[in-house]
Amino acid sequence: MTSSMFKPKEWKGQPRRALSATEVVASLARLDGWKLTGDGANVAIEKTFTFANYFETIAFVNALAMIAHREDHHPDLSVHYDRCVVRFNTHDAGGISSSDFDCATQADALLAH
């Protein structure tokens, strides 16, 4: 039996759609430190999270992996000693979807004080 914590979200019957430019800009304005990168089908939202050391960076990456698995929405990550660049887009929608912003908000919440 799989714990619900480890069970990914079911997207069947819930197609994800690319947001309009206006929706992306409005959603991006509600996030701190996230920026728009790329263009066309490669457009994404991206943020660099900084840490004191490698251990903290990897702890963040592991926590983010749990979110990604649960949401069934996996970011591109660039992991370094004291930082992690997180990049979300929705490949199957061909752009940025509400899932990207939901996951970005959850990533930010990992470091909320």
PDB file of N, CA and C in Angstrom:
ATOM      1  N   MET A   1       0.843  -1.181   0.000  1.00  0.00           N
ATOM      2  CA  MET A   1       0.000   0.000   0.000  1.00  0.00           C
ATOM      3  C   MET A   1       0.884   1.237   0.000  1.00  0.00           C
ATOM      4  N   THR A   2       0.599   2.159  -0.879  1.00  0.00           N
ATOM      5  CA  THR A   2       1.389   3.375  -0.990  1.00  0.00           C
ATOM      6  C   THR A   2       0.753   4.490  -0.180  1.00  0.00           C
ATOM      7  N   SER A   3       1.541   5.151   0.636  1.00  0.00           N
ATOM      8  CA  SER A   3       1.059   6.287   1.411  1.00  0.00           C
ATOM      9  C   SER A   3       0.604   7.385   0.461  1.00  0.00           C
ATOM     10  N   SER A   4      -0.428   8.128   0.836  1.00  0.00           N
ATOM     11  CA  SER A   4      -0.901   9.227  -0.012  1.00  0.00           C
ATOM     12  C   SER A   4       0.178  10.292  -0.174  1.00  0.00           C
ATOM     13  N   MET A   5       1.120  10.349   0.769  1.00  0.00           N
ATOM     14  CA  MET A   5       2.217  11.302   0.663  1.00  0.00           C
ATOM     15  C   MET A   5       3.093  10.988  -0.546  1.00  0.00           C
ATOM     16  N   PHE A   6       3.170   9.705  -0.914  1.00  0.00           N
ATOM     17  CA  PHE A   6       4.022   9.300  -2.019  1.00  0.00           C
ATOM     18  C   PHE A   6       3.256   9.069  -3.313  1.00  0.00           C
ATOM     19  N   LYS A   7       1.953   9.219  -3.271  1.00  0.00           N
ATOM     20  CA  LYS A   7       1.138   8.968  -4.453  1.00  0.00           C
ATOM     21  C   LYS A   7       1.052  10.242  -5.296  1.00  0.00           C
ATOM     22  N   PRO A   8       1.473  10.156  -6.561  1.00  0.00           N
ATOM     23  CA  PRO A   8       1.404  11.351  -7.402  1.00  0.00           C
ATOM     24  C   PRO A   8      -0.032  11.720  -7.756  1.00  0.00           C
ATOM     25  N   LYS A   9      -0.228  13.002  -8.038  1.00  0.00           N
ATOM     26  CA  LYS A   9      -1.523  13.519  -8.443  1.00  0.00           C
ATOM     27  C   LYS A   9      -1.947  12.867  -9.759  1.00  0.00           C
ATOM     28  N   GLU A  10      -3.213  12.579  -9.897  1.00  0.00           N
ATOM     29  CA  GLU A  10      -3.760  12.019 -11.135  1.00  0.00           C
ATOM     30  C   GLU A  10      -4.215  13.168 -12.035  1.00  0.00           C
ATOM     31  N   TRP A  11      -3.673  13.242 -13.227  1.00  0.00           N
ATOM     32  CA  TRP A  11      -4.029  14.316 -14.165  1.00  0.00           C
ATOM     33  C   TRP A  11      -5.037  13.870 -15.211  1.00  0.00           C
ATOM     34  N   LYS A  12      -5.418  12.602 -15.215  1.00  0.00           N
ATOM     35  CA  LYS A  12      -6.388  12.122 -16.196  1.00  0.00           C
ATOM     36  C   LYS A  12      -7.691  12.893 -16.031  1.00  0.00           C
ATOM     37  N   GLY A  13      -8.209  13.394 -17.134  1.00  0.00           N
ATOM     38  CA  GLY A  13      -9.448  14.170 -17.090  1.00  0.00           C
ATOM     39  C   GLY A  13      -9.236  15.600 -16.635  1.00  0.00           C
ATOM     40  N   GLN A  14      -7.998  15.968 -16.368  1.00  0.00           N
ATOM     41  CA  GLN A  14      -7.667  17.325 -15.934  1.00  0.00           C
ATOM     42  C   GLN A  14      -6.557  17.877 -16.827  1.00  0.00           C
ATOM     43  N   PRO A  15      -6.843  18.102 -18.093  1.00  0.00           N
ATOM     44  CA  PRO A  15      -5.770  18.567 -18.974  1.00  0.00           C
ATOM     45  C   PRO A  15      -5.223  19.925 -18.525  1.00  0.00           C
ATOM     46  N   ARG A  16      -3.913  20.030 -18.582  1.00  0.00           N
ATOM     47  CA  ARG A  16      -3.267  21.297 -18.239  1.00  0.00           C
ATOM     48  C   ARG A  16      -3.158  22.130 -19.505  1.00  0.00           C
ATOM     49  N   ARG A  17      -3.449  23.406 -19.385  1.00  0.00           N
ATOM     50  CA  ARG A  17      -3.361  24.295 -20.535  1.00  0.00           C
ATOM     51  C   ARG A  17      -2.327  25.381 -20.265  1.00  0.00           C
ATOM     52  N   ALA A  18      -1.713  25.840 -21.345  1.00  0.00           N
ATOM     53  CA  ALA A  18      -0.768  26.947 -21.231  1.00  0.00           C
ATOM     54  C   ALA A  18      -1.545  28.215 -20.889  1.00  0.00           C
ATOM     55  N   LEU A  19      -1.012  28.970 -19.951  1.00  0.00           N
ATOM     56  CA  LEU A  19      -1.634  30.246 -19.584  1.00  0.00           C
ATOM     57  C   LEU A  19      -1.354  31.293 -20.645  1.00  0.00           C
ATOM     58  N   SER A  20      -2.218  32.282 -20.732  1.00  0.00           N
ATOM     59  CA  SER A  20      -1.988  33.407 -21.643  1.00  0.00           C
ATOM     60  C   SER A  20      -0.874  34.276 -21.076  1.00  0.00           C
ATOM     61  N   ALA A  21      -0.319  35.140 -21.901  1.00  0.00           N
ATOM     62  CA  ALA A  21       0.744  36.052 -21.451  1.00  0.00           C
ATOM     63  C   ALA A  21       0.257  36.900 -20.284  1.00  0.00           C
ATOM     64  N   THR A  22      -0.971  37.370 -20.343  1.00  0.00           N
ATOM     65  CA  THR A  22      -1.535  38.192 -19.266  1.00  0.00           C
ATOM     66  C   THR A  22      -1.623  37.391 -17.968  1.00  0.00           C
ATOM     67  N   GLU A  23      -2.062  36.132 -18.061  1.00  0.00           N
ATOM     68  CA  GLU A  23      -2.159  35.283 -16.870  1.00  0.00           C
ATOM     69  C   GLU A  23      -0.779  34.999 -16.287  1.00  0.00           C
ATOM     70  N   VAL A  24       0.207  34.781 -17.140  1.00  0.00           N
ATOM     71  CA  VAL A  24       1.572  34.522 -16.666  1.00  0.00           C
ATOM     72  C   VAL A  24       2.119  35.735 -15.934  1.00  0.00           C
ATOM     73  N   VAL A  25       1.969  36.914 -16.520  1.00  0.00           N
ATOM     74  CA  VAL A  25       2.486  38.141 -15.902  1.00  0.00           C
ATOM     75  C   VAL A  25       1.799  38.394 -14.564  1.00  0.00           C
ATOM     76  N   ALA A  26       0.493  38.208 -14.497  1.00  0.00           N
ATOM     77  CA  ALA A  26      -0.241  38.426 -13.241  1.00  0.00           C
ATOM     78  C   ALA A  26       0.199  37.423 -12.171  1.00  0.00           C
ATOM     79  N   SER A  27       0.372  36.177 -12.555  1.00  0.00           N
ATOM     80  CA  SER A  27       0.794  35.150 -11.595  1.00  0.00           C
ATOM     81  C   SER A  27       2.232  35.363 -11.143  1.00  0.00           C
ATOM     82  N   LEU A  28       3.089  35.765 -12.063  1.00  0.00           N
ATOM     83  CA  LEU A  28       4.493  36.013 -11.745  1.00  0.00           C
ATOM     84  C   LEU A  28       4.634  37.167 -10.749  1.00  0.00           C
ATOM     85  N   ALA A  29       3.766  38.156 -10.852  1.00  0.00           N
ATOM     86  CA  ALA A  29       3.807  39.313  -9.953  1.00  0.00           C
ATOM     87  C   ALA A  29       3.516  38.921  -8.507  1.00  0.00           C
ATOM     88  N   ARG A  30       2.853  37.792  -8.305  1.00  0.00           N
ATOM     89  CA  ARG A  30       2.532  37.334  -6.952  1.00  0.00           C
ATOM     90  C   ARG A  30       3.655  36.508  -6.319  1.00  0.00           C
ATOM     91  N   LEU A  31       4.694  36.219  -7.077  1.00  0.00           N
ATOM     92  CA  LEU A  31       5.819  35.423  -6.572  1.00  0.00           C
ATOM     93  C   LEU A  31       7.045  36.302  -6.373  1.00  0.00           C
ATOM     94  N   ASP A  32       7.804  36.004  -5.330  1.00  0.00           N
ATOM     95  CA  ASP A  32       9.010  36.774  -5.035  1.00  0.00           C
ATOM     96  C   ASP A  32      10.239  36.081  -5.617  1.00  0.00           C
ATOM     97  N   GLY A  33      10.961  36.794  -6.476  1.00  0.00           N
ATOM     98  CA  GLY A  33      12.237  36.292  -6.969  1.00  0.00           C
ATOM     99  C   GLY A  33      12.164  35.404  -8.195  1.00  0.00           C
ATOM    100  N   TRP A  34      10.981  35.076  -8.667  1.00  0.00           N
ATOM    101  CA  TRP A  34      10.832  34.250  -9.861  1.00  0.00           C
ATOM    102  C   TRP A  34      10.858  35.145 -11.091  1.00  0.00           C
ATOM    103  N   LYS A  35      11.435  34.634 -12.182  1.00  0.00           N
ATOM    104  CA  LYS A  35      11.501  35.407 -13.420  1.00  0.00           C
ATOM    105  C   LYS A  35      11.096  34.530 -14.596  1.00  0.00           C
ATOM    106  N   LEU A  36      10.750  35.181 -15.669  1.00  0.00           N
ATOM    107  CA  LEU A  36      10.391  34.500 -16.905  1.00  0.00           C
ATOM    108  C   LEU A  36      11.656  34.274 -17.716  1.00  0.00           C
ATOM    109  N   THR A  37      11.847  33.057 -18.229  1.00  0.00           N
ATOM    110  CA  THR A  37      13.011  32.746 -19.059  1.00  0.00           C
ATOM    111  C   THR A  37      12.557  31.971 -20.293  1.00  0.00           C
ATOM    112  N   GLY A  38      13.394  31.977 -21.319  1.00  0.00           N
ATOM    113  CA  GLY A  38      13.106  31.215 -22.526  1.00  0.00           C
ATOM    114  C   GLY A  38      12.023  31.841 -23.372  1.00  0.00           C
ATOM    115  N   ASP A  39      11.661  31.139 -24.444  1.00  0.00           N
ATOM    116  CA  ASP A  39      10.587  31.605 -25.313  1.00  0.00           C
ATOM    117  C   ASP A  39       9.940  30.420 -26.018  1.00  0.00           C
ATOM    118  N   GLY A  40       8.797  30.663 -26.609  1.00  0.00           N
ATOM    119  CA  GLY A  40       8.079  29.598 -27.301  1.00  0.00           C
ATOM    120  C   GLY A  40       7.765  28.453 -26.360  1.00  0.00           C
ATOM    121  N   ALA A  41       7.949  27.232 -26.837  1.00  0.00           N
ATOM    122  CA  ALA A  41       7.670  26.048 -26.020  1.00  0.00           C
ATOM    123  C   ALA A  41       8.659  25.908 -24.861  1.00  0.00           C
ATOM    124  N   ASN A  42       9.775  26.645 -24.898  1.00  0.00           N
ATOM    125  CA  ASN A  42      10.790  26.579 -23.831  1.00  0.00           C
ATOM    126  C   ASN A  42      10.607  27.656 -22.762  1.00  0.00           C
ATOM    127  N   VAL A  43       9.532  28.411 -22.832  1.00  0.00           N
ATOM    128  CA  VAL A  43       9.300  29.445 -21.830  1.00  0.00           C
ATOM    129  C   VAL A  43       9.083  28.777 -20.476  1.00  0.00           C
ATOM    130  N   ALA A  44       9.621  29.408 -19.426  1.00  0.00           N
ATOM    131  CA  ALA A  44       9.547  28.825 -18.083  1.00  0.00           C
ATOM    132  C   ALA A  44       9.621  29.928 -17.044  1.00  0.00           C
ATOM    133  N   ILE A  45       9.295  29.563 -15.809  1.00  0.00           N
ATOM    134  CA  ILE A  45       9.570  30.448 -14.679  1.00  0.00           C
ATOM    135  C   ILE A  45      10.757  29.850 -13.939  1.00  0.00           C
ATOM    136  N   GLU A  46      11.617  30.722 -13.417  1.00  0.00           N
ATOM    137  CA  GLU A  46      12.884  30.270 -12.846  1.00  0.00           C
ATOM    138  C   GLU A  46      13.243  31.104 -11.630  1.00  0.00           C
ATOM    139  N   LYS A  47      13.867  30.437 -10.667  1.00  0.00           N
ATOM    140  CA  LYS A  47      14.368  31.125  -9.468  1.00  0.00           C
ATOM    141  C   LYS A  47      15.614  30.423  -8.983  1.00  0.00           C
ATOM    142  N   THR A  48      16.566  31.210  -8.495  1.00  0.00           N
ATOM    143  CA  THR A  48      17.772  30.670  -7.870  1.00  0.00           C
ATOM    144  C   THR A  48      17.621  30.769  -6.359  1.00  0.00           C
ATOM    145  N   PHE A  49      17.702  29.626  -5.700  1.00  0.00           N
ATOM    146  CA  PHE A  49      17.652  29.555  -4.242  1.00  0.00           C
ATOM    147  C   PHE A  49      19.086  29.406  -3.748  1.00  0.00           C
ATOM    148  N   THR A  50      19.492  30.204  -2.782  1.00  0.00           N
ATOM    149  CA  THR A  50      20.863  30.152  -2.274  1.00  0.00           C
ATOM    150  C   THR A  50      20.891  29.592  -0.847  1.00  0.00           C
ATOM    151  N   PHE A  51      21.995  28.904  -0.544  1.00  0.00           N
ATOM    152  CA  PHE A  51      22.143  28.214   0.731  1.00  0.00           C
ATOM    153  C   PHE A  51      23.553  28.416   1.271  1.00  0.00           C
ATOM    154  N   ALA A  52      23.739  28.065   2.532  1.00  0.00           N
ATOM    155  CA  ALA A  52      25.037  28.238   3.179  1.00  0.00           C
ATOM    156  C   ALA A  52      26.045  27.180   2.747  1.00  0.00           C
ATOM    157  N   ASN A  53      25.542  25.997   2.352  1.00  0.00           N
ATOM    158  CA  ASN A  53      26.457  24.906   2.044  1.00  0.00           C
ATOM    159  C   ASN A  53      25.753  23.835   1.209  1.00  0.00           C
ATOM    160  N   TYR A  54      26.495  22.824   0.871  1.00  0.00           N
ATOM    161  CA  TYR A  54      25.981  21.738   0.025  1.00  0.00           C
ATOM    162  C   TYR A  54      24.877  20.948   0.729  1.00  0.00           C
ATOM    163  N   PHE A  55      25.043  20.689   2.011  1.00  0.00           N
ATOM    164  CA  PHE A  55      24.035  19.936   2.759  1.00  0.00           C
ATOM    165  C   PHE A  55      22.676  20.623   2.689  1.00  0.00           C
ATOM    166  N   GLU A  56      22.637  21.935   2.923  1.00  0.00           N
ATOM    167  CA  GLU A  56      21.373  22.677   2.855  1.00  0.00           C
ATOM    168  C   GLU A  56      20.792  22.649   1.445  1.00  0.00           C
ATOM    169  N   THR A  57      21.653  22.754   0.447  1.00  0.00           N
ATOM    170  CA  THR A  57      21.195  22.709  -0.944  1.00  0.00           C
ATOM    171  C   THR A  57      20.521  21.373  -1.232  1.00  0.00           C
ATOM    172  N   ILE A  58      21.165  20.281  -0.858  1.00  0.00           N
ATOM    173  CA  ILE A  58      20.623  18.951  -1.133  1.00  0.00           C
ATOM    174  C   ILE A  58      19.362  18.686  -0.310  1.00  0.00           C
ATOM    175  N   ALA A  59      19.298  19.196   0.907  1.00  0.00           N
ATOM    176  CA  ALA A  59      18.077  19.049   1.711  1.00  0.00           C
ATOM    177  C   ALA A  59      16.904  19.724   0.996  1.00  0.00           C
ATOM    178  N   PHE A  60      17.145  20.907   0.441  1.00  0.00           N
ATOM    179  CA  PHE A  60      16.110  21.611  -0.328  1.00  0.00           C
ATOM    180  C   PHE A  60      15.713  20.789  -1.557  1.00  0.00           C
ATOM    181  N   VAL A  61      16.701  20.281  -2.282  1.00  0.00           N
ATOM    182  CA  VAL A  61      16.427  19.486  -3.492  1.00  0.00           C
ATOM    183  C   VAL A  61      15.578  18.264  -3.135  1.00  0.00           C
ATOM    184  N   ASN A  62      15.901  17.589  -2.045  1.00  0.00           N
ATOM    185  CA  ASN A  62      15.127  16.422  -1.628  1.00  0.00           C
ATOM    186  C   ASN A  62      13.692  16.782  -1.259  1.00  0.00           C
ATOM    187  N   ALA A  63      13.525  17.883  -0.555  1.00  0.00           N
ATOM    188  CA  ALA A  63      12.171  18.330  -0.204  1.00  0.00           C
ATOM    189  C   ALA A  63      11.395  18.721  -1.464  1.00  0.00           C
ATOM    190  N   LEU A  64      12.061  19.381  -2.393  1.00  0.00           N
ATOM    191  CA  LEU A  64      11.427  19.756  -3.651  1.00  0.00           C
ATOM    192  C   LEU A  64      11.052  18.518  -4.469  1.00  0.00           C
ATOM    193  N   ALA A  65      11.869  17.488  -4.389  1.00  0.00           N
ATOM    194  CA  ALA A  65      11.564  16.233  -5.096  1.00  0.00           C
ATOM    195  C   ALA A  65      10.264  15.624  -4.585  1.00  0.00           C
ATOM    196  N   MET A  66      10.006  15.722  -3.291  1.00  0.00           N
ATOM    197  CA  MET A  66       8.747  15.214  -2.737  1.00  0.00           C
ATOM    198  C   MET A  66       7.560  15.989  -3.297  1.00  0.00           C
ATOM    199  N   ILE A  67       7.688  17.307  -3.384  1.00  0.00           N
ATOM    200  CA  ILE A  67       6.622  18.136  -3.955  1.00  0.00           C
ATOM    201  C   ILE A  67       6.405  17.761  -5.420  1.00  0.00           C
ATOM    202  N   ALA A  68       7.499  17.657  -6.157  1.00  0.00           N
ATOM    203  CA  ALA A  68       7.409  17.340  -7.586  1.00  0.00           C
ATOM    204  C   ALA A  68       6.736  15.992  -7.809  1.00  0.00           C
ATOM    205  N   HIS A  69       7.083  15.023  -6.992  1.00  0.00           N
ATOM    206  CA  HIS A  69       6.480  13.699  -7.126  1.00  0.00           C
ATOM    207  C   HIS A  69       4.986  13.746  -6.798  1.00  0.00           C
ATOM    208  N   ARG A  70       4.659  14.390  -5.693  1.00  0.00           N
ATOM    209  CA  ARG A  70       3.254  14.477  -5.271  1.00  0.00           C
ATOM    210  C   ARG A  70       2.401  15.207  -6.311  1.00  0.00           C
ATOM    211  N   GLU A  71       2.947  16.266  -6.890  1.00  0.00           N
ATOM    212  CA  GLU A  71       2.222  17.054  -7.889  1.00  0.00           C
ATOM    213  C   GLU A  71       2.331  16.458  -9.289  1.00  0.00           C
ATOM    214  N   ASP A  72       3.176  15.450  -9.449  1.00  0.00           N
ATOM    215  CA  ASP A  72       3.471  14.854 -10.751  1.00  0.00           C
ATOM    216  C   ASP A  72       3.860  15.948 -11.746  1.00  0.00           C
ATOM    217  N   HIS A  73       4.737  16.822 -11.271  1.00  0.00           N
ATOM    218  CA  HIS A  73       5.182  17.963 -12.072  1.00  0.00           C
ATOM    219  C   HIS A  73       6.637  18.238 -11.697  1.00  0.00           C
ATOM    220  N   HIS A  74       7.548  17.939 -12.594  1.00  0.00           N
ATOM    221  CA  HIS A  74       8.965  17.876 -12.251  1.00  0.00           C
ATOM    222  C   HIS A  74       9.751  19.021 -12.873  1.00  0.00           C
ATOM    223  N   PRO A  75      10.421  19.816 -12.045  1.00  0.00           N
ATOM    224  CA  PRO A  75      11.193  20.959 -12.553  1.00  0.00           C
ATOM    225  C   PRO A  75      12.539  20.523 -13.122  1.00  0.00           C
ATOM    226  N   ASP A  76      13.111  21.398 -13.909  1.00  0.00           N
ATOM    227  CA  ASP A  76      14.512  21.247 -14.290  1.00  0.00           C
ATOM    228  C   ASP A  76      15.316  21.885 -13.165  1.00  0.00           C
ATOM    229  N   LEU A  77      16.331  21.187 -12.709  1.00  0.00           N
ATOM    230  CA  LEU A  77      17.153  21.679 -11.604  1.00  0.00           C
ATOM    231  C   LEU A  77      18.606  21.774 -12.034  1.00  0.00           C
ATOM    232  N   SER A  78      19.259  22.817 -11.572  1.00  0.00           N
ATOM    233  CA  SER A  78      20.698  22.958 -11.725  1.00  0.00           C
ATOM    234  C   SER A  78      21.241  23.098 -10.304  1.00  0.00           C
ATOM    235  N   VAL A  79      21.905  22.052  -9.828  1.00  0.00           N
ATOM    236  CA  VAL A  79      22.323  21.971  -8.425  1.00  0.00           C
ATOM    237  C   VAL A  79      23.810  22.285  -8.313  1.00  0.00           C
ATOM    238  N   HIS A  80      24.133  23.196  -7.400  1.00  0.00           N
ATOM    239  CA  HIS A  80      25.511  23.624  -7.155  1.00  0.00           C
ATOM    240  C   HIS A  80      25.785  23.554  -5.651  1.00  0.00           C
ATOM    241  N   TYR A  81      26.988  23.813  -5.249  1.00  0.00           N
ATOM    242  CA  TYR A  81      27.377  23.719  -3.843  1.00  0.00           C
ATOM    243  C   TYR A  81      26.459  24.550  -2.943  1.00  0.00           C
ATOM    244  N   ASP A  82      26.227  25.811  -3.310  1.00  0.00           N
ATOM    245  CA  ASP A  82      25.487  26.722  -2.430  1.00  0.00           C
ATOM    246  C   ASP A  82      24.231  27.318  -3.059  1.00  0.00           C
ATOM    247  N   ARG A  83      23.719  26.670  -4.111  1.00  0.00           N
ATOM    248  CA  ARG A  83      22.517  27.182  -4.761  1.00  0.00           C
ATOM    249  C   ARG A  83      21.875  26.099  -5.620  1.00  0.00           C
ATOM    250  N   CYS A  84      20.606  26.337  -5.898  1.00  0.00           N
ATOM    251  CA  CYS A  84      19.857  25.464  -6.803  1.00  0.00           C
ATOM    252  C   CYS A  84      18.984  26.351  -7.672  1.00  0.00           C
ATOM    253  N   VAL A  85      19.125  26.209  -8.975  1.00  0.00           N
ATOM    254  CA  VAL A  85      18.280  26.931  -9.913  1.00  0.00           C
ATOM    255  C   VAL A  85      17.113  26.013 -10.258  1.00  0.00           C
ATOM    256  N   VAL A  86      15.900  26.509 -10.023  1.00  0.00           N
ATOM    257  CA  VAL A  86      14.679  25.736 -10.254  1.00  0.00           C
ATOM    258  C   VAL A  86      13.935  26.357 -11.426  1.00  0.00           C
ATOM    259  N   ARG A  87      13.561  25.509 -12.374  1.00  0.00           N
ATOM    260  CA  ARG A  87      12.906  25.998 -13.594  1.00  0.00           C
ATOM    261  C   ARG A  87      11.670  25.139 -13.855  1.00  0.00           C
ATOM    262  N   PHE A  88      10.498  25.791 -13.878  1.00  0.00           N
ATOM    263  CA  PHE A  88       9.242  25.096 -14.140  1.00  0.00           C
ATOM    264  C   PHE A  88       8.649  25.521 -15.471  1.00  0.00           C
ATOM    265  N   ASN A  89       8.209  24.549 -16.248  1.00  0.00           N
ATOM    266  CA  ASN A  89       7.295  24.775 -17.363  1.00  0.00           C
ATOM    267  C   ASN A  89       6.512  23.486 -17.564  1.00  0.00           C
ATOM    268  N   THR A  90       5.470  23.573 -18.357  1.00  0.00           N
ATOM    269  CA  THR A  90       4.611  22.412 -18.566  1.00  0.00           C
ATOM    270  C   THR A  90       4.771  21.959 -20.006  1.00  0.00           C
ATOM    271  N   HIS A  91       5.597  20.944 -20.202  1.00  0.00           N
ATOM    272  CA  HIS A  91       5.933  20.470 -21.544  1.00  0.00           C
ATOM    273  C   HIS A  91       4.694  20.058 -22.332  1.00  0.00           C
ATOM    274  N   ASP A  92       3.795  19.307 -21.686  1.00  0.00           N
ATOM    275  CA  ASP A  92       2.633  18.811 -22.425  1.00  0.00           C
ATOM    276  C   ASP A  92       1.639  19.914 -22.788  1.00  0.00           C
ATOM    277  N   ALA A  93       1.728  21.075 -22.123  1.00  0.00           N
ATOM    278  CA  ALA A  93       0.866  22.208 -22.469  1.00  0.00           C
ATOM    279  C   ALA A  93       1.575  23.163 -23.430  1.00  0.00           C
ATOM    280  N   GLY A  94       2.866  22.967 -23.612  1.00  0.00           N
ATOM    281  CA  GLY A  94       3.623  23.833 -24.515  1.00  0.00           C
ATOM    282  C   GLY A  94       3.827  25.240 -23.990  1.00  0.00           C
ATOM    283  N   GLY A  95       3.962  25.375 -22.688  1.00  0.00           N
ATOM    284  CA  GLY A  95       4.167  26.702 -22.092  1.00  0.00           C
ATOM    285  C   GLY A  95       4.145  26.622 -20.583  1.00  0.00           C
ATOM    286  N   ILE A  96       3.616  27.651 -19.972  1.00  0.00           N
ATOM    287  CA  ILE A  96       3.526  27.735 -18.516  1.00  0.00           C
ATOM    288  C   ILE A  96       2.069  27.528 -18.127  1.00  0.00           C
ATOM    289  N   SER A  97       1.848  26.650 -17.144  1.00  0.00           N
ATOM    290  CA  SER A  97       0.484  26.371 -16.682  1.00  0.00           C
ATOM    291  C   SER A  97       0.346  26.769 -15.213  1.00  0.00           C
ATOM    292  N   SER A  98      -0.862  26.662 -14.718  1.00  0.00           N
ATOM    293  CA  SER A  98      -1.087  26.959 -13.301  1.00  0.00           C
ATOM    294  C   SER A  98      -0.299  25.997 -12.408  1.00  0.00           C
ATOM    295  N   SER A  99      -0.014  24.793 -12.891  1.00  0.00           N
ATOM    296  CA  SER A  99       0.793  23.835 -12.125  1.00  0.00           C
ATOM    297  C   SER A  99       2.177  24.391 -11.814  1.00  0.00           C
ATOM    298  N   ASP A 100       2.740  25.138 -12.766  1.00  0.00           N
ATOM    299  CA  ASP A 100       4.063  25.726 -12.546  1.00  0.00           C
ATOM    300  C   ASP A 100       4.032  26.705 -11.382  1.00  0.00           C
ATOM    301  N   PHE A 101       2.999  27.532 -11.335  1.00  0.00           N
ATOM    302  CA  PHE A 101       2.890  28.508 -10.259  1.00  0.00           C
ATOM    303  C   PHE A 101       2.540  27.845  -8.930  1.00  0.00           C
ATOM    304  N   ASP A 102       1.727  26.800  -8.966  1.00  0.00           N
ATOM    305  CA  ASP A 102       1.427  26.054  -7.729  1.00  0.00           C
ATOM    306  C   ASP A 102       2.708  25.465  -7.140  1.00  0.00           C
ATOM    307  N   CYS A 103       3.514  24.846  -7.988  1.00  0.00           N
ATOM    308  CA  CYS A 103       4.765  24.233  -7.518  1.00  0.00           C
ATOM    309  C   CYS A 103       5.781  25.287  -7.073  1.00  0.00           C
ATOM    310  N   ALA A 104       5.834  26.424  -7.761  1.00  0.00           N
ATOM    311  CA  ALA A 104       6.742  27.505  -7.363  1.00  0.00           C
ATOM    312  C   ALA A 104       6.374  28.015  -5.974  1.00  0.00           C
ATOM    313  N   THR A 105       5.079  28.160  -5.726  1.00  0.00           N
ATOM    314  CA  THR A 105       4.616  28.610  -4.413  1.00  0.00           C
ATOM    315  C   THR A 105       5.004  27.609  -3.336  1.00  0.00           C
ATOM    316  N   GLN A 106       4.881  26.332  -3.640  1.00  0.00           N
ATOM    317  CA  GLN A 106       5.261  25.302  -2.664  1.00  0.00           C
ATOM    318  C   GLN A 106       6.773  25.267  -2.447  1.00  0.00           C
ATOM    319  N   ALA A 107       7.546  25.526  -3.492  1.00  0.00           N
ATOM    320  CA  ALA A 107       9.009  25.588  -3.345  1.00  0.00           C
ATOM    321  C   ALA A 107       9.379  26.748  -2.421  1.00  0.00           C
ATOM    322  N   ASP A 108       8.761  27.896  -2.630  1.00  0.00           N
ATOM    323  CA  ASP A 108       9.018  29.049  -1.753  1.00  0.00           C
ATOM    324  C   ASP A 108       8.645  28.739  -0.306  1.00  0.00           C
ATOM    325  N   ALA A 109       7.549  28.012  -0.110  1.00  0.00           N
ATOM    326  CA  ALA A 109       7.075  27.700   1.246  1.00  0.00           C
ATOM    327  C   ALA A 109       8.070  26.828   2.012  1.00  0.00           C
ATOM    328  N   LEU A 110       8.911  26.078   1.295  1.00  0.00           N
ATOM    329  CA  LEU A 110       9.910  25.259   1.970  1.00  0.00           C
ATOM    330  C   LEU A 110      10.876  26.104   2.791  1.00  0.00           C
ATOM    331  N   LEU A 111      11.063  27.352   2.381  1.00  0.00           N
ATOM    332  CA  LEU A 111      12.029  28.219   3.062  1.00  0.00           C
ATOM    333  C   LEU A 111      11.371  29.361   3.828  1.00  0.00           C
ATOM    334  N   ALA A 112      10.056  29.318   3.947  1.00  0.00           N
ATOM    335  CA  ALA A 112       9.340  30.369   4.684  1.00  0.00           C
ATOM    336  C   ALA A 112       9.709  30.297   6.157  1.00  0.00           C
ATOM    337  N   HIS A 113       9.828  31.427   6.769  1.00  0.00           N
ATOM    338  CA  HIS A 113      10.230  31.479   8.180  1.00  0.00           C
ATOM    339  C   HIS A 113       9.019  31.505   9.064  1.00  0.00           C
TER     340      HIS A 113
END
